[in-house]
Amino acid sequence: MSALDQGEIAESKEVGSAAMFSPEVDGQALTFSYKDGVITDNETGSEWDVFGRAIKGELAGKQLQPVLSHVQFWFAWAAFRPDTTVYDG
């Protein structure tokens, strides 16, 4: 929840979150697609959850390794890196 748009966090809007994982399992590089709320890898068609776990398909039970990352507010990044290119694809 956002701590910036309401006086009470419980009354705030959902703003989402992010995580980063290495896209490789047992030496196999994976690419991913997101459609209708489902994350699948393009190589095996396995379904993944937001915690980097394969929950259905050939790779069920496998876990992607987390990558150390930080979620930043755009205004904070832009203040220090105004030359950043924004991709809108």
PDB file of N, CA and C in Angstrom:
ATOM      1  N   MET A   1       0.846  -1.174   0.000  1.00  0.00           N
ATOM      2  CA  MET A   1       0.000   0.000   0.000  1.00  0.00           C
ATOM      3  C   MET A   1       0.891   1.237   0.000  1.00  0.00           C
ATOM      4  N   SER A   2       0.360   2.313  -0.549  1.00  0.00           N
ATOM      5  CA  SER A   2       1.116   3.554  -0.596  1.00  0.00           C
ATOM      6  C   SER A   2       1.030   4.285   0.741  1.00  0.00           C
ATOM      7  N   ALA A   3       2.143   4.834   1.154  1.00  0.00           N
ATOM      8  CA  ALA A   3       2.148   5.655   2.367  1.00  0.00           C
ATOM      9  C   ALA A   3       2.043   7.134   2.018  1.00  0.00           C
ATOM     10  N   LEU A   4       1.796   7.423   0.736  1.00  0.00           N
ATOM     11  CA  LEU A   4       1.849   8.810   0.296  1.00  0.00           C
ATOM     12  C   LEU A   4       0.513   9.431  -0.088  1.00  0.00           C
ATOM     13  N   ASP A   5      -0.533   8.645  -0.269  1.00  0.00           N
ATOM     14  CA  ASP A   5      -1.754   9.241  -0.820  1.00  0.00           C
ATOM     15  C   ASP A   5      -2.897   9.409   0.175  1.00  0.00           C
ATOM     16  N   GLN A   6      -2.793   8.836   1.371  1.00  0.00           N
ATOM     17  CA  GLN A   6      -3.850   8.970   2.374  1.00  0.00           C
ATOM     18  C   GLN A   6      -3.221   9.149   3.755  1.00  0.00           C
ATOM     19  N   GLY A   7      -4.006   9.622   4.695  1.00  0.00           N
ATOM     20  CA  GLY A   7      -3.525   9.777   6.065  1.00  0.00           C
ATOM     21  C   GLY A   7      -3.308   8.449   6.765  1.00  0.00           C
ATOM     22  N   GLU A   8      -4.047   7.426   6.362  1.00  0.00           N
ATOM     23  CA  GLU A   8      -3.932   6.079   6.923  1.00  0.00           C
ATOM     24  C   GLU A   8      -3.517   5.123   5.815  1.00  0.00           C
ATOM     25  N   ILE A   9      -2.482   4.348   6.056  1.00  0.00           N
ATOM     26  CA  ILE A   9      -2.024   3.407   5.028  1.00  0.00           C
ATOM     27  C   ILE A   9      -3.134   2.436   4.644  1.00  0.00           C
ATOM     28  N   ALA A  10      -3.946   2.008   5.599  1.00  0.00           N
ATOM     29  CA  ALA A  10      -5.035   1.068   5.316  1.00  0.00           C
ATOM     30  C   ALA A  10      -6.039   1.632   4.317  1.00  0.00           C
ATOM     31  N   GLU A  11      -6.111   2.951   4.196  1.00  0.00           N
ATOM     32  CA  GLU A  11      -7.034   3.600   3.267  1.00  0.00           C
ATOM     33  C   GLU A  11      -6.375   3.947   1.934  1.00  0.00           C
ATOM     34  N   SER A  12      -5.095   3.636   1.808  1.00  0.00           N
ATOM     35  CA  SER A  12      -4.344   3.982   0.606  1.00  0.00           C
ATOM     36  C   SER A  12      -4.593   2.996  -0.515  1.00  0.00           C
ATOM     37  N   LYS A  13      -4.198   3.391  -1.713  1.00  0.00           N
ATOM     38  CA  LYS A  13      -4.381   2.523  -2.868  1.00  0.00           C
ATOM     39  C   LYS A  13      -3.228   1.530  -2.995  1.00  0.00           C
ATOM     40  N   GLU A  14      -3.491   0.421  -3.627  1.00  0.00           N
ATOM     41  CA  GLU A  14      -2.476  -0.586  -3.922  1.00  0.00           C
ATOM     42  C   GLU A  14      -1.555  -0.020  -4.996  1.00  0.00           C
ATOM     43  N   VAL A  15      -0.255  -0.033  -4.749  1.00  0.00           N
ATOM     44  CA  VAL A  15       0.689   0.522  -5.714  1.00  0.00           C
ATOM     45  C   VAL A  15       1.608  -0.544  -6.312  1.00  0.00           C
ATOM     46  N   GLY A  16       1.458  -1.785  -5.882  1.00  0.00           N
ATOM     47  CA  GLY A  16       2.262  -2.859  -6.438  1.00  0.00           C
ATOM     48  C   GLY A  16       3.652  -2.909  -5.836  1.00  0.00           C
ATOM     49  N   SER A  17       4.397  -3.899  -6.255  1.00  0.00           N
ATOM     50  CA  SER A  17       5.766  -4.058  -5.796  1.00  0.00           C
ATOM     51  C   SER A  17       6.533  -4.799  -6.884  1.00  0.00           C
ATOM     52  N   ALA A  18       7.798  -4.971  -6.672  1.00  0.00           N
ATOM     53  CA  ALA A  18       8.612  -5.633  -7.687  1.00  0.00           C
ATOM     54  C   ALA A  18       9.654  -6.534  -7.033  1.00  0.00           C
ATOM     55  N   ALA A  19      10.058  -7.534  -7.765  1.00  0.00           N
ATOM     56  CA  ALA A  19      11.134  -8.423  -7.349  1.00  0.00           C
ATOM     57  C   ALA A  19      11.920  -8.789  -8.603  1.00  0.00           C
ATOM     58  N   MET A  20      13.150  -9.219  -8.414  1.00  0.00           N
ATOM     59  CA  MET A  20      13.982  -9.573  -9.554  1.00  0.00           C
ATOM     60  C   MET A  20      14.583 -10.955  -9.322  1.00  0.00           C
ATOM     61  N   PHE A  21      14.563 -11.765 -10.389  1.00  0.00           N
ATOM     62  CA  PHE A  21      15.104 -13.113 -10.314  1.00  0.00           C
ATOM     63  C   PHE A  21      15.998 -13.386 -11.510  1.00  0.00           C
ATOM     64  N   SER A  22      16.979 -14.253 -11.320  1.00  0.00           N
ATOM     65  CA  SER A  22      17.806 -14.708 -12.429  1.00  0.00           C
ATOM     66  C   SER A  22      16.947 -15.629 -13.296  1.00  0.00           C
ATOM     67  N   PRO A  23      16.876 -15.399 -14.607  1.00  0.00           N
ATOM     68  CA  PRO A  23      15.990 -16.182 -15.480  1.00  0.00           C
ATOM     69  C   PRO A  23      16.629 -17.492 -15.950  1.00  0.00           C
ATOM     70  N   GLU A  24      17.192 -18.241 -15.030  1.00  0.00           N
ATOM     71  CA  GLU A  24      17.861 -19.484 -15.392  1.00  0.00           C
ATOM     72  C   GLU A  24      17.530 -20.578 -14.380  1.00  0.00           C
ATOM     73  N   VAL A  25      17.240 -21.774 -14.885  1.00  0.00           N
ATOM     74  CA  VAL A  25      16.970 -22.936 -14.033  1.00  0.00           C
ATOM     75  C   VAL A  25      17.799 -24.096 -14.545  1.00  0.00           C
ATOM     76  N   ASP A  26      18.612 -24.671 -13.677  1.00  0.00           N
ATOM     77  CA  ASP A  26      19.448 -25.821 -14.036  1.00  0.00           C
ATOM     78  C   ASP A  26      20.224 -25.582 -15.333  1.00  0.00           C
ATOM     79  N   GLY A  27      20.760 -24.376 -15.491  1.00  0.00           N
ATOM     80  CA  GLY A  27      21.549 -24.042 -16.672  1.00  0.00           C
ATOM     81  C   GLY A  27      20.750 -23.676 -17.900  1.00  0.00           C
ATOM     82  N   GLN A  28      19.430 -23.722 -17.820  1.00  0.00           N
ATOM     83  CA  GLN A  28      18.567 -23.383 -18.954  1.00  0.00           C
ATOM     84  C   GLN A  28      18.092 -21.941 -18.821  1.00  0.00           C
ATOM     85  N   ALA A  29      18.413 -21.115 -19.828  1.00  0.00           N
ATOM     86  CA  ALA A  29      17.945 -19.728 -19.843  1.00  0.00           C
ATOM     87  C   ALA A  29      16.468 -19.697 -20.205  1.00  0.00           C
ATOM     88  N   LEU A  30      15.709 -18.895 -19.483  1.00  0.00           N
ATOM     89  CA  LEU A  30      14.268 -18.784 -19.715  1.00  0.00           C
ATOM     90  C   LEU A  30      13.894 -17.351 -20.062  1.00  0.00           C
ATOM     91  N   THR A  31      12.838 -17.211 -20.838  1.00  0.00           N
ATOM     92  CA  THR A  31      12.202 -15.917 -21.083  1.00  0.00           C
ATOM     93  C   THR A  31      10.758 -16.065 -20.632  1.00  0.00           C
ATOM     94  N   PHE A  32      10.131 -14.959 -20.294  1.00  0.00           N
ATOM     95  CA  PHE A  32       8.810 -15.040 -19.678  1.00  0.00           C
ATOM     96  C   PHE A  32       7.789 -14.164 -20.386  1.00  0.00           C
ATOM     97  N   SER A  33       6.537 -14.588 -20.276  1.00  0.00           N
ATOM     98  CA  SER A  33       5.401 -13.836 -20.800  1.00  0.00           C
ATOM     99  C   SER A  33       4.370 -13.692 -19.692  1.00  0.00           C
ATOM    100  N   TYR A  34       3.616 -12.606 -19.758  1.00  0.00           N
ATOM    101  CA  TYR A  34       2.555 -12.350 -18.790  1.00  0.00           C
ATOM    102  C   TYR A  34       1.278 -12.083 -19.565  1.00  0.00           C
ATOM    103  N   LYS A  35       0.268 -12.899 -19.338  1.00  0.00           N
ATOM    104  CA  LYS A  35      -0.998 -12.720 -20.031  1.00  0.00           C
ATOM    105  C   LYS A  35      -2.135 -13.151 -19.118  1.00  0.00           C
ATOM    106  N   ASP A  36      -3.150 -12.310 -19.022  1.00  0.00           N
ATOM    107  CA  ASP A  36      -4.346 -12.597 -18.221  1.00  0.00           C
ATOM    108  C   ASP A  36      -3.994 -13.006 -16.795  1.00  0.00           C
ATOM    109  N   GLY A  37      -2.998 -12.337 -16.225  1.00  0.00           N
ATOM    110  CA  GLY A  37      -2.633 -12.589 -14.831  1.00  0.00           C
ATOM    111  C   GLY A  37      -1.764 -13.811 -14.600  1.00  0.00           C
ATOM    112  N   VAL A  38      -1.278 -14.429 -15.674  1.00  0.00           N
ATOM    113  CA  VAL A  38      -0.475 -15.648 -15.541  1.00  0.00           C
ATOM    114  C   VAL A  38       0.917 -15.411 -16.126  1.00  0.00           C
ATOM    115  N   ILE A  39       1.942 -15.797 -15.368  1.00  0.00           N
ATOM    116  CA  ILE A  39       3.334 -15.711 -15.825  1.00  0.00           C
ATOM    117  C   ILE A  39       3.749 -17.103 -16.296  1.00  0.00           C
ATOM    118  N   THR A  40       4.209 -17.201 -17.533  1.00  0.00           N
ATOM    119  CA  THR A  40       4.694 -18.481 -18.059  1.00  0.00           C
ATOM    120  C   THR A  40       6.060 -18.283 -18.702  1.00  0.00           C
ATOM    121  N   ASP A  41       6.862 -19.365 -18.665  1.00  0.00           N
ATOM    122  CA  ASP A  41       8.119 -19.271 -19.410  1.00  0.00           C
ATOM    123  C   ASP A  41       7.844 -19.758 -20.828  1.00  0.00           C
ATOM    124  N   ASN A  42       8.495 -19.133 -21.781  1.00  0.00           N
ATOM    125  CA  ASN A  42       8.270 -19.428 -23.196  1.00  0.00           C
ATOM    126  C   ASN A  42       8.918 -20.733 -23.649  1.00  0.00           C
ATOM    127  N   GLU A  43       9.856 -21.241 -22.873  1.00  0.00           N
ATOM    128  CA  GLU A  43      10.574 -22.446 -23.272  1.00  0.00           C
ATOM    129  C   GLU A  43       9.815 -23.728 -22.921  1.00  0.00           C
ATOM    130  N   THR A  44       9.165 -23.780 -21.761  1.00  0.00           N
ATOM    131  CA  THR A  44       8.463 -25.014 -21.348  1.00  0.00           C
ATOM    132  C   THR A  44       6.968 -24.807 -21.125  1.00  0.00           C
ATOM    133  N   GLY A  45       6.528 -23.543 -21.061  1.00  0.00           N
ATOM    134  CA  GLY A  45       5.125 -23.267 -20.791  1.00  0.00           C
ATOM    135  C   GLY A  45       4.758 -23.423 -19.324  1.00  0.00           C
ATOM    136  N   SER A  46       5.773 -23.592 -18.461  1.00  0.00           N
ATOM    137  CA  SER A  46       5.505 -23.715 -17.023  1.00  0.00           C
ATOM    138  C   SER A  46       4.955 -22.402 -16.489  1.00  0.00           C
ATOM    139  N   GLU A  47       4.093 -22.494 -15.485  1.00  0.00           N
ATOM    140  CA  GLU A  47       3.486 -21.318 -14.860  1.00  0.00           C
ATOM    141  C   GLU A  47       4.266 -20.972 -13.597  1.00  0.00           C
ATOM    142  N   TRP A  48       4.491 -19.672 -13.392  1.00  0.00           N
ATOM    143  CA  TRP A  48       5.298 -19.175 -12.275  1.00  0.00           C
ATOM    144  C   TRP A  48       4.498 -18.220 -11.404  1.00  0.00           C
ATOM    145  N   ASP A  49       4.834 -18.190 -10.113  1.00  0.00           N
ATOM    146  CA  ASP A  49       4.202 -17.202  -9.241  1.00  0.00           C
ATOM    147  C   ASP A  49       5.142 -16.004  -9.080  1.00  0.00           C
ATOM    148  N   VAL A  50       4.695 -14.989  -8.366  1.00  0.00           N
ATOM    149  CA  VAL A  50       5.482 -13.759  -8.222  1.00  0.00           C
ATOM    150  C   VAL A  50       6.675 -13.933  -7.290  1.00  0.00           C
ATOM    151  N   PHE A  51       6.806 -15.100  -6.664  1.00  0.00           N
ATOM    152  CA  PHE A  51       7.931 -15.382  -5.781  1.00  0.00           C
ATOM    153  C   PHE A  51       9.028 -16.167  -6.496  1.00  0.00           C
ATOM    154  N   GLY A  52       8.895 -16.322  -7.822  1.00  0.00           N
ATOM    155  CA  GLY A  52       9.913 -17.017  -8.590  1.00  0.00           C
ATOM    156  C   GLY A  52       9.840 -18.530  -8.509  1.00  0.00           C
ATOM    157  N   ARG A  53       8.662 -19.066  -8.150  1.00  0.00           N
ATOM    158  CA  ARG A  53       8.475 -20.512  -8.053  1.00  0.00           C
ATOM    159  C   ARG A  53       7.625 -21.011  -9.209  1.00  0.00           C
ATOM    160  N   ALA A  54       8.076 -22.111  -9.831  1.00  0.00           N
ATOM    161  CA  ALA A  54       7.258 -22.752 -10.865  1.00  0.00           C
ATOM    162  C   ALA A  54       6.174 -23.541 -10.142  1.00  0.00           C
ATOM    163  N   ILE A  55       4.913 -23.243 -10.457  1.00  0.00           N
ATOM    164  CA  ILE A  55       3.811 -23.876  -9.746  1.00  0.00           C
ATOM    165  C   ILE A  55       3.041 -24.883 -10.591  1.00  0.00           C
ATOM    166  N   LYS A  56       3.253 -24.859 -11.912  1.00  0.00           N
ATOM    167  CA  LYS A  56       2.605 -25.818 -12.809  1.00  0.00           C
ATOM    168  C   LYS A  56       3.528 -26.074 -13.986  1.00  0.00           C
ATOM    169  N   GLY A  57       3.410 -27.264 -14.561  1.00  0.00           N
ATOM    170  CA  GLY A  57       4.155 -27.566 -15.775  1.00  0.00           C
ATOM    171  C   GLY A  57       5.432 -28.348 -15.533  1.00  0.00           C
ATOM    172  N   GLU A  58       6.218 -28.457 -16.579  1.00  0.00           N
ATOM    173  CA  GLU A  58       7.458 -29.239 -16.578  1.00  0.00           C
ATOM    174  C   GLU A  58       8.428 -28.838 -15.467  1.00  0.00           C
ATOM    175  N   LEU A  59       8.471 -27.544 -15.138  1.00  0.00           N
ATOM    176  CA  LEU A  59       9.421 -27.064 -14.137  1.00  0.00           C
ATOM    177  C   LEU A  59       8.803 -26.887 -12.750  1.00  0.00           C
ATOM    178  N   ALA A  60       7.600 -27.413 -12.529  1.00  0.00           N
ATOM    179  CA  ALA A  60       6.923 -27.285 -11.231  1.00  0.00           C
ATOM    180  C   ALA A  60       7.862 -27.698 -10.107  1.00  0.00           C
ATOM    181  N   GLY A  61       7.920 -26.844  -9.082  1.00  0.00           N
ATOM    182  CA  GLY A  61       8.775 -27.104  -7.942  1.00  0.00           C
ATOM    183  C   GLY A  61      10.127 -26.421  -8.027  1.00  0.00           C
ATOM    184  N   LYS A  62      10.502 -25.932  -9.194  1.00  0.00           N
ATOM    185  CA  LYS A  62      11.777 -25.228  -9.356  1.00  0.00           C
ATOM    186  C   LYS A  62      11.649 -23.807  -8.818  1.00  0.00           C
ATOM    187  N   GLN A  63      12.788 -23.243  -8.410  1.00  0.00           N
ATOM    188  CA  GLN A  63      12.826 -21.902  -7.843  1.00  0.00           C
ATOM    189  C   GLN A  63      13.864 -21.065  -8.567  1.00  0.00           C
ATOM    190  N   LEU A  64      13.471 -19.878  -9.045  1.00  0.00           N
ATOM    191  CA  LEU A  64      14.433 -18.935  -9.610  1.00  0.00           C
ATOM    192  C   LEU A  64      15.214 -18.309  -8.458  1.00  0.00           C
ATOM    193  N   GLN A  65      16.476 -18.012  -8.696  1.00  0.00           N
ATOM    194  CA  GLN A  65      17.310 -17.385  -7.670  1.00  0.00           C
ATOM    195  C   GLN A  65      17.064 -15.875  -7.643  1.00  0.00           C
ATOM    196  N   PRO A  66      16.793 -15.337  -6.452  1.00  0.00           N
ATOM    197  CA  PRO A  66      16.589 -13.889  -6.342  1.00  0.00           C
ATOM    198  C   PRO A  66      17.868 -13.128  -6.672  1.00  0.00           C
ATOM    199  N   VAL A  67      17.698 -11.935  -7.217  1.00  0.00           N
ATOM    200  CA  VAL A  67      18.801 -11.028  -7.512  1.00  0.00           C
ATOM    201  C   VAL A  67      18.611  -9.812  -6.606  1.00  0.00           C
ATOM    202  N   LEU A  68      19.666  -9.404  -5.940  1.00  0.00           N
ATOM    203  CA  LEU A  68      19.589  -8.237  -5.077  1.00  0.00           C
ATOM    204  C   LEU A  68      19.177  -7.022  -5.902  1.00  0.00           C
ATOM    205  N   SER A  69      18.111  -6.374  -5.511  1.00  0.00           N
ATOM    206  CA  SER A  69      17.614  -5.211  -6.238  1.00  0.00           C
ATOM    207  C   SER A  69      16.905  -4.280  -5.264  1.00  0.00           C
ATOM    208  N   HIS A  70      16.621  -3.091  -5.730  1.00  0.00           N
ATOM    209  CA  HIS A  70      15.928  -2.100  -4.907  1.00  0.00           C
ATOM    210  C   HIS A  70      14.844  -1.441  -5.750  1.00  0.00           C
ATOM    211  N   VAL A  71      13.684  -1.266  -5.162  1.00  0.00           N
ATOM    212  CA  VAL A  71      12.592  -0.562  -5.826  1.00  0.00           C
ATOM    213  C   VAL A  71      12.677   0.898  -5.414  1.00  0.00           C
ATOM    214  N   GLN A  72      12.716   1.779  -6.409  1.00  0.00           N
ATOM    215  CA  GLN A  72      12.847   3.207  -6.132  1.00  0.00           C
ATOM    216  C   GLN A  72      11.657   3.965  -6.721  1.00  0.00           C
ATOM    217  N   PHE A  73      11.315   5.078  -6.109  1.00  0.00           N
ATOM    218  CA  PHE A  73      10.319   5.957  -6.687  1.00  0.00           C
ATOM    219  C   PHE A  73      10.950   6.677  -7.869  1.00  0.00           C
ATOM    220  N   TRP A  74      10.187   6.854  -8.941  1.00  0.00           N
ATOM    221  CA  TRP A  74      10.707   7.522 -10.135  1.00  0.00           C
ATOM    222  C   TRP A  74      11.252   8.904  -9.815  1.00  0.00           C
ATOM    223  N   PHE A  75      10.534   9.700  -9.011  1.00  0.00           N
ATOM    224  CA  PHE A  75      10.983  11.064  -8.755  1.00  0.00           C
ATOM    225  C   PHE A  75      12.346  11.086  -8.075  1.00  0.00           C
ATOM    226  N   ALA A  76      12.641  10.086  -7.249  1.00  0.00           N
ATOM    227  CA  ALA A  76      13.944  10.030  -6.584  1.00  0.00           C
ATOM    228  C   ALA A  76      15.041   9.708  -7.608  1.00  0.00           C
ATOM    229  N   TRP A  77      14.770   8.735  -8.477  1.00  0.00           N
ATOM    230  CA  TRP A  77      15.748   8.383  -9.512  1.00  0.00           C
ATOM    231  C   TRP A  77      15.976   9.583 -10.446  1.00  0.00           C
ATOM    232  N   ALA A  78      14.898  10.169 -10.918  1.00  0.00           N
ATOM    233  CA  ALA A  78      14.989  11.247 -11.909  1.00  0.00           C
ATOM    234  C   ALA A  78      15.720  12.475 -11.351  1.00  0.00           C
ATOM    235  N   ALA A  79      15.626  12.698 -10.059  1.00  0.00           N
ATOM    236  CA  ALA A  79      16.314  13.847  -9.466  1.00  0.00           C
ATOM    237  C   ALA A  79      17.832  13.711  -9.592  1.00  0.00           C
ATOM    238  N   PHE A  80      18.318  12.468  -9.518  1.00  0.00           N
ATOM    239  CA  PHE A  80      19.757  12.240  -9.587  1.00  0.00           C
ATOM    240  C   PHE A  80      20.237  11.815 -10.971  1.00  0.00           C
ATOM    241  N   ARG A  81      19.321  11.301 -11.798  1.00  0.00           N
ATOM    242  CA  ARG A  81      19.675  10.836 -13.146  1.00  0.00           C
ATOM    243  C   ARG A  81      18.718  11.397 -14.185  1.00  0.00           C
ATOM    244  N   PRO A  82      18.672  12.723 -14.360  1.00  0.00           N
ATOM    245  CA  PRO A  82      17.718  13.340 -15.284  1.00  0.00           C
ATOM    246  C   PRO A  82      17.966  12.947 -16.748  1.00  0.00           C
ATOM    247  N   ASP A  83      19.122  12.363 -17.059  1.00  0.00           N
ATOM    248  CA  ASP A  83      19.422  11.952 -18.434  1.00  0.00           C
ATOM    249  C   ASP A  83      18.881  10.568 -18.770  1.00  0.00           C
ATOM    250  N   THR A  84      18.157   9.945 -17.854  1.00  0.00           N
ATOM    251  CA  THR A  84      17.622   8.600 -18.066  1.00  0.00           C
ATOM    252  C   THR A  84      16.621   8.572 -19.220  1.00  0.00           C
ATOM    253  N   THR A  85      16.755   7.583 -20.091  1.00  0.00           N
ATOM    254  CA  THR A  85      15.813   7.384 -21.188  1.00  0.00           C
ATOM    255  C   THR A  85      14.663   6.507 -20.686  1.00  0.00           C
ATOM    256  N   VAL A  86      13.448   6.929 -20.925  1.00  0.00           N
ATOM    257  CA  VAL A  86      12.265   6.157 -20.526  1.00  0.00           C
ATOM    258  C   VAL A  86      11.741   5.415 -21.745  1.00  0.00           C
ATOM    259  N   TYR A  87      11.651   4.091 -21.625  1.00  0.00           N
ATOM    260  CA  TYR A  87      11.149   3.251 -22.710  1.00  0.00           C
ATOM    261  C   TYR A  87       9.655   3.056 -22.516  1.00  0.00           C
ATOM    262  N   ASP A  88       8.875   3.368 -23.540  1.00  0.00           N
ATOM    263  CA  ASP A  88       7.427   3.189 -23.495  1.00  0.00           C
ATOM    264  C   ASP A  88       7.025   2.284 -24.639  1.00  0.00           C
ATOM    265  N   GLY A  89       7.250   0.990 -24.463  1.00  0.00           N
ATOM    266  CA  GLY A  89       7.033   0.073 -25.565  1.00  0.00           C
ATOM    267  C   GLY A  89       5.900  -0.828 -25.391  1.00  0.00           C
TER     268      GLY A  89
END
